[in-house]
Amino acid sequence: MGYLDTLNRRGIRASIRKGNLIWLDPQYLVTPDIAEAVRLHKDDILAEIRGRAADASDHLPEIVPDYRFRMVATDLDSWEADDPRFGYEVMLDVCYRQLDAPYYAWLRHRMENAWKSHDAGRLDAEAYDLLRERFNIIHDWAVRHIGEEALRRAIRTTNVKSYVPPSEQTFAAYRKTWDDAWDAHQQRLAAHSQTAQPPDQARKLQHLLDTQGYAGIRSSIIDDIVVFVRDDSVVVPSKWSSKVTFTMDELALMIGSSPEAVKQIHEVKRVFGGKVVPPGDDPFGTSRPGQIATTNPADQPSLLQAGAAASTG
């Protein structure tokens, strides 16, 4: 079994994109063990893809192998597919499985039993002829696409008594791996979305700072409105003149501060004015409240995180 066959059994389509990049699809089915195997055997997989491709020209945006699969049910009904993303097993009215050498050996044994039943009069001619017609289609396809040597070897080595044929139960187990992988993929996307996207209030604050240079935020910590400005050059409207103002640099120093520290800083600024500076920047060597930058624990809310609603104008 080649590397592509192993990927195909997992329902993964492999191709080459520009720059000798092996592209696997769907990505959510690519487990760490598959990714590591592809990395270790990249050159062999590239050669196998090119060997199976009808056109392996490097100028193509994507080189795709000439995928051909025979999906076969245990009653020998079959149809041809050209995309491994259908999956190793497909459930229609009955379960179909990608034909490979061991499955061919099991089907051949089943056909031999059908012949014996027909010869003994337990299987009527019409039913036997239908099975024989279907098996001939499967046999011709297998010889062309799997090869006689691989089929003969499978007939010698496959234990047809222990071989598990496709069924509703095998399909349910196979699809569960797909469903579990899809659920894990969705959870990763949701987690990434939550971490990558800032909270609604933070987005609104950033928009206001970008467009008008200032924003009024009602803080639940100090139970009042505070004004954030992009920098000291921003002129705040008179309606906000009585409110305490923080620049974004000051806010950065206060991220992670405890509620008590935030209240203390706010009160000092309200009464005395001044700026929040990093610890160690005090020219007098004191520890005035207005210099508090951060305190532990870091999971306590900051002034911004506790803001209840944004006010503009």
Protein backbone atom coordinates (compact mmCIF):
# COMPACT_ATOMS: atom_id res chain seq x y z
CA MET A 1 0.00 0.00 0.00
CA GLY A 2 1.40 3.39 -1.01
CA TYR A 3 1.36 6.61 0.97
CA LEU A 4 -1.55 7.98 -1.06
CA ASP A 5 -3.56 4.83 -0.38
CA THR A 6 -3.04 5.31 3.35
CA LEU A 7 -4.26 8.91 3.09
CA ASN A 8 -7.20 7.88 0.91
CA ARG A 9 -8.39 5.38 3.50
CA ARG A 10 -8.56 8.31 5.94
CA GLY A 11 -10.64 10.31 3.45
CA ILE A 12 -7.80 12.74 2.70
CA ARG A 13 -7.00 14.14 -0.74
CA ALA A 14 -3.33 14.95 -1.39
CA SER A 15 -2.04 17.24 -4.11
CA ILE A 16 0.99 19.39 -4.92
CA ARG A 17 0.81 23.16 -4.95
CA LYS A 18 3.48 25.53 -6.20
CA GLY A 19 6.77 25.28 -4.39
CA ASN A 20 6.51 21.50 -3.86
CA LEU A 21 3.97 22.05 -1.11
CA ILE A 22 1.94 18.93 -0.29
CA TRP A 23 -1.63 20.04 0.33
CA LEU A 24 -3.94 17.77 2.34
CA ASP A 25 -7.69 18.25 2.33
CA PRO A 26 -9.81 18.36 4.43
CA GLN A 27 -7.38 19.84 6.94
CA TYR A 28 -9.46 18.85 9.96
CA LEU A 29 -8.76 15.15 9.26
CA VAL A 30 -5.00 15.69 9.32
CA THR A 31 -3.94 14.36 12.70
CA PRO A 32 -0.45 14.95 14.16
CA ASP A 33 0.66 11.43 13.18
CA ILE A 34 -0.39 12.02 9.57
CA ALA A 35 1.35 15.40 9.44
CA GLU A 36 4.54 13.84 10.83
CA ALA A 37 4.42 10.94 8.35
CA VAL A 38 3.97 13.36 5.44
CA ARG A 39 6.89 15.42 6.67
CA LEU A 40 9.15 12.36 6.96
CA HIS A 41 8.20 10.93 3.56
CA LYS A 42 7.65 14.13 1.61
CA ASP A 43 9.91 13.23 -1.33
CA ASP A 44 8.27 9.82 -1.77
CA ILE A 45 4.78 11.34 -1.62
CA LEU A 46 5.71 14.03 -4.14
CA ALA A 47 6.98 11.32 -6.50
CA GLU A 48 3.84 9.23 -5.98
CA ILE A 49 1.53 12.17 -6.70
CA ARG A 50 3.44 13.05 -9.86
CA GLY A 51 3.46 9.40 -10.91
CA ARG A 52 -0.32 9.19 -10.68
CA ALA A 53 -1.07 12.62 -12.17
CA ALA A 54 -2.29 12.89 -15.74
CA ASP A 55 -0.44 16.22 -16.08
CA ALA A 56 2.42 16.86 -13.65
CA SER A 57 3.65 20.10 -15.21
CA ASP A 58 5.24 22.40 -12.64
CA HIS A 59 3.52 25.43 -14.16
CA LEU A 60 0.12 24.17 -12.99
CA PRO A 61 -1.28 25.81 -9.86
CA GLU A 62 -2.03 22.34 -8.46
CA ILE A 63 -0.98 18.81 -9.40
CA VAL A 64 -3.71 16.30 -8.53
CA PRO A 65 -3.33 12.52 -8.85
CA ASP A 66 -5.70 10.71 -11.20
CA TYR A 67 -7.82 9.34 -8.37
CA ARG A 68 -9.97 6.31 -9.23
CA PHE A 69 -11.92 4.36 -6.64
CA ARG A 70 -14.38 1.50 -6.92
CA MET A 71 -16.96 1.65 -4.16
CA VAL A 72 -18.34 -1.87 -3.61
CA ALA A 73 -21.13 -3.24 -1.40
CA THR A 74 -21.29 -6.78 -0.07
CA ASP A 75 -24.00 -7.62 -2.64
CA LEU A 76 -21.36 -6.75 -5.31
CA ASP A 77 -23.14 -3.61 -6.45
CA SER A 78 -20.49 -0.99 -7.24
CA TRP A 79 -19.80 2.46 -8.65
CA GLU A 80 -16.70 4.51 -9.46
CA ALA A 81 -15.58 7.62 -7.58
CA ASP A 82 -12.73 10.03 -8.29
CA ASP A 83 -12.34 11.87 -4.97
CA PRO A 84 -11.01 10.28 -1.76
CA ARG A 85 -12.92 12.84 0.27
CA PHE A 86 -15.98 10.63 -0.22
CA GLY A 87 -14.34 8.52 2.46
CA TYR A 88 -13.23 4.90 2.80
CA GLU A 89 -16.84 3.91 3.39
CA VAL A 90 -20.03 5.53 2.08
CA MET A 91 -23.53 4.80 3.35
CA LEU A 92 -26.31 4.88 0.76
CA ASP A 93 -29.04 2.24 0.84
CA VAL A 94 -26.25 -0.11 1.95
CA CYS A 95 -22.63 0.45 2.95
CA TYR A 96 -20.00 0.72 0.19
CA ARG A 97 -16.23 0.45 0.77
CA GLN A 98 -13.27 1.46 -1.38
CA LEU A 99 -12.08 -1.64 -3.19
CA ASP A 100 -8.59 -2.73 -2.20
CA ALA A 101 -6.79 -6.07 -2.50
CA PRO A 102 -7.96 -7.61 0.82
CA TYR A 103 -11.57 -6.58 0.16
CA TYR A 104 -11.29 -8.07 -3.35
CA ALA A 105 -10.09 -11.36 -1.84
CA TRP A 106 -13.09 -11.44 0.51
CA LEU A 107 -15.50 -10.64 -2.34
CA ARG A 108 -13.94 -13.33 -4.53
CA HIS A 109 -14.45 -15.86 -1.73
CA ARG A 110 -18.07 -14.72 -1.46
CA MET A 111 -18.47 -15.24 -5.20
CA GLU A 112 -17.04 -18.76 -4.94
CA ASN A 113 -19.61 -19.55 -2.23
CA ALA A 114 -22.35 -18.19 -4.51
CA TRP A 115 -21.18 -20.52 -7.29
CA LYS A 116 -21.28 -23.50 -4.90
CA SER A 117 -24.78 -22.54 -3.79
CA HIS A 118 -25.90 -22.23 -7.42
CA ASP A 119 -24.31 -25.58 -8.32
CA ALA A 120 -26.10 -27.20 -5.38
CA GLY A 121 -29.44 -25.70 -6.42
CA ARG A 122 -29.71 -23.35 -3.41
CA LEU A 123 -29.30 -20.20 -5.54
CA ASP A 124 -31.42 -19.65 -8.64
CA ALA A 125 -29.86 -18.85 -11.98
CA GLU A 126 -31.17 -15.28 -12.15
CA ALA A 127 -29.65 -14.32 -8.80
CA TYR A 128 -26.38 -16.06 -9.63
CA ASP A 129 -26.11 -14.39 -13.03
CA LEU A 130 -26.60 -10.96 -11.42
CA LEU A 131 -23.81 -11.65 -8.90
CA ARG A 132 -21.50 -12.96 -11.64
CA GLU A 133 -22.12 -9.90 -13.81
CA ARG A 134 -21.38 -7.57 -10.92
CA PHE A 135 -18.25 -9.44 -9.89
CA ASN A 136 -16.86 -9.39 -13.42
CA ILE A 137 -17.07 -5.59 -13.38
CA ILE A 138 -15.24 -5.52 -10.05
CA HIS A 139 -12.61 -8.01 -11.23
CA ASP A 140 -11.84 -6.12 -14.44
CA TRP A 141 -11.50 -2.85 -12.51
CA ALA A 142 -9.26 -4.46 -9.88
CA VAL A 143 -6.92 -5.93 -12.48
CA ARG A 144 -6.53 -2.54 -14.16
CA HIS A 145 -6.14 -0.38 -11.06
CA ILE A 146 -4.79 -2.67 -8.34
CA GLY A 147 -2.80 -5.16 -10.40
CA GLU A 148 -2.89 -8.93 -10.77
CA GLU A 149 0.15 -9.55 -8.56
CA ALA A 150 -1.34 -7.60 -5.64
CA LEU A 151 -4.66 -9.44 -6.08
CA ARG A 152 -3.01 -12.88 -6.14
CA ARG A 153 -0.99 -12.02 -3.04
CA ALA A 154 -4.15 -10.87 -1.23
CA ILE A 155 -5.97 -14.08 -2.17
CA ARG A 156 -3.12 -16.08 -0.60
CA THR A 157 -2.74 -14.02 2.58
CA THR A 158 -6.19 -12.62 3.46
CA ASN A 159 -8.07 -14.49 6.18
CA VAL A 160 -11.56 -14.30 4.74
CA LYS A 161 -13.08 -15.74 7.92
CA SER A 162 -11.80 -12.90 10.12
CA TYR A 163 -12.11 -10.14 7.51
CA VAL A 164 -14.71 -7.54 8.59
CA PRO A 165 -16.83 -6.47 5.59
CA PRO A 166 -18.56 -3.08 5.32
CA SER A 167 -21.82 -2.68 7.22
CA GLU A 168 -23.86 -0.06 9.04
CA GLN A 169 -21.77 -0.78 12.15
CA THR A 170 -18.39 -0.33 10.44
CA PHE A 171 -19.63 2.85 8.73
CA ALA A 172 -20.85 4.28 12.05
CA ALA A 173 -17.46 3.62 13.63
CA TYR A 174 -15.62 5.08 10.63
CA ARG A 175 -17.76 8.20 10.48
CA LYS A 176 -17.38 8.76 14.21
CA THR A 177 -13.70 9.51 13.62
CA TRP A 178 -14.77 12.13 11.04
CA ASP A 179 -17.38 13.63 13.36
CA ASP A 180 -14.96 13.75 16.29
CA ALA A 181 -12.33 15.42 14.11
CA TRP A 182 -14.89 17.95 12.83
CA ASP A 183 -16.10 18.76 16.36
CA ALA A 184 -12.51 19.26 17.55
CA HIS A 185 -11.86 21.50 14.52
CA GLN A 186 -14.91 23.63 15.29
CA GLN A 187 -13.86 23.95 18.93
CA ARG A 188 -10.37 25.10 17.87
CA LEU A 189 -11.89 27.68 15.53
CA ALA A 190 -14.21 28.95 18.25
CA ALA A 191 -11.36 29.17 20.75
CA HIS A 192 -9.18 30.98 18.22
CA SER A 193 -12.00 33.37 17.39
CA GLN A 194 -12.51 34.20 21.05
CA THR A 195 -8.82 34.87 21.64
CA ALA A 196 -8.16 36.62 18.35
CA GLN A 197 -11.14 38.97 18.48
CA PRO A 198 -11.14 41.67 21.18
CA PRO A 199 -14.29 42.15 23.28
CA ASP A 200 -17.02 44.34 21.79
CA GLN A 201 -16.24 47.25 24.12
CA ALA A 202 -12.52 47.12 23.34
CA ARG A 203 -13.31 47.16 19.60
CA LYS A 204 -15.65 50.12 20.06
CA LEU A 205 -13.07 51.96 22.13
CA GLN A 206 -10.40 51.41 19.48
CA HIS A 207 -12.75 52.63 16.75
CA LEU A 208 -13.53 55.82 18.67
CA LEU A 209 -9.85 56.47 19.39
CA ASP A 210 -9.00 55.96 15.71
CA THR A 211 -11.80 58.20 14.41
CA GLN A 212 -12.13 61.00 16.98
CA GLY A 213 -9.20 60.53 19.34
CA TYR A 214 -11.19 60.10 22.57
CA ALA A 215 -13.94 58.04 24.16
CA GLY A 216 -15.96 58.20 27.38
CA ILE A 217 -16.24 54.89 29.24
CA ARG A 218 -18.44 54.20 32.24
CA SER A 219 -16.35 52.19 34.67
CA SER A 220 -18.08 49.85 37.10
CA ILE A 221 -15.01 49.97 39.37
CA ILE A 222 -15.19 53.68 40.17
CA ASP A 223 -18.88 54.11 39.26
CA ASP A 224 -18.19 57.08 37.02
CA ILE A 225 -17.28 57.99 33.47
CA VAL A 226 -13.60 58.29 32.60
CA VAL A 227 -12.20 59.60 29.33
CA PHE A 228 -9.55 57.79 27.32
CA VAL A 229 -7.54 59.76 24.76
CA ARG A 230 -5.19 58.57 22.06
CA ASP A 231 -2.39 60.83 23.39
CA ASP A 232 -1.81 64.15 25.13
CA SER A 233 -2.36 66.15 21.92
CA VAL A 234 -6.07 65.25 21.76
CA VAL A 235 -8.46 68.04 22.82
CA VAL A 236 -11.39 66.70 24.83
CA PRO A 237 -14.81 68.41 24.35
CA SER A 238 -16.01 70.65 27.17
CA LYS A 239 -18.74 68.16 28.15
CA TRP A 240 -15.94 65.84 29.35
CA SER A 241 -13.77 68.51 30.99
CA SER A 242 -14.79 67.53 34.53
CA LYS A 243 -13.94 63.87 34.01
CA VAL A 244 -10.59 62.21 34.72
CA THR A 245 -8.63 61.59 31.53
CA PHE A 246 -6.20 58.75 30.81
CA THR A 247 -3.99 58.36 27.75
CA MET A 248 -3.62 54.95 26.17
CA ASP A 249 -0.03 54.83 27.46
CA GLU A 250 -1.35 55.30 31.01
CA LEU A 251 -3.98 52.64 30.41
CA ALA A 252 -1.28 50.19 29.28
CA LEU A 253 0.52 50.73 32.60
CA MET A 254 -2.68 50.02 34.52
CA ILE A 255 -3.63 46.76 32.79
CA GLY A 256 -3.85 44.08 35.50
CA SER A 257 -4.21 46.56 38.38
CA SER A 258 -6.46 45.66 41.28
CA PRO A 259 -9.76 47.52 41.70
CA GLU A 260 -8.37 49.24 44.83
CA ALA A 261 -5.33 50.49 42.92
CA VAL A 262 -7.51 51.77 40.07
CA LYS A 263 -9.72 53.70 42.51
CA GLN A 264 -6.64 55.18 44.18
CA ILE A 265 -5.09 56.26 40.88
CA HIS A 266 -8.38 57.75 39.71
CA GLU A 267 -8.82 59.72 42.94
CA VAL A 268 -5.27 61.11 42.85
CA LYS A 269 -5.73 62.22 39.23
CA ARG A 270 -9.12 63.75 40.03
CA VAL A 271 -7.72 65.83 42.92
CA PHE A 272 -4.15 66.54 41.87
CA GLY A 273 -3.97 65.83 38.15
CA GLY A 274 -0.64 64.40 36.98
CA LYS A 275 0.17 61.23 34.99
CA VAL A 276 0.54 57.54 35.65
CA VAL A 277 4.21 56.60 35.26
CA PRO A 278 6.07 53.30 35.58
CA PRO A 279 7.53 52.37 38.98
CA GLY A 280 11.04 53.81 39.33
CA ASP A 281 10.28 56.97 37.37
CA ASP A 282 9.54 58.99 40.55
CA PRO A 283 12.25 61.70 40.74
CA PHE A 284 11.58 62.08 44.47
CA GLY A 285 11.95 58.37 45.26
CA THR A 286 8.50 58.13 46.86
CA SER A 287 5.57 55.84 46.19
CA ARG A 288 2.76 58.21 45.46
CA PRO A 289 -0.51 56.49 44.46
CA GLY A 290 -0.44 58.20 41.08
CA GLN A 291 2.57 56.13 40.16
CA ILE A 292 0.97 52.73 40.67
CA ALA A 293 1.35 50.86 37.40
CA THR A 294 0.44 47.23 38.05
CA THR A 295 -0.29 45.02 40.99
CA ASN A 296 -0.97 41.31 41.39
CA PRO A 297 -2.91 39.21 40.93
CA ALA A 298 -2.93 39.82 37.18
CA ASP A 299 -6.42 38.40 36.72
CA GLN A 300 -8.06 41.26 38.61
CA PRO A 301 -10.04 43.64 36.36
CA SER A 302 -8.44 46.73 34.90
CA LEU A 303 -10.21 50.01 34.40
CA LEU A 304 -10.96 49.15 30.78
CA GLN A 305 -12.03 45.58 31.44
CA ALA A 306 -14.58 46.76 33.99
CA GLY A 307 -16.08 49.43 31.72
CA ALA A 308 -19.80 48.87 31.44
CA ALA A 309 -20.69 50.97 28.41
CA ALA A 310 -19.16 53.46 26.01
CA SER A 311 -20.39 57.05 25.70
CA THR A 312 -19.41 59.26 22.79
CA GLY A 313 -19.92 62.82 21.72
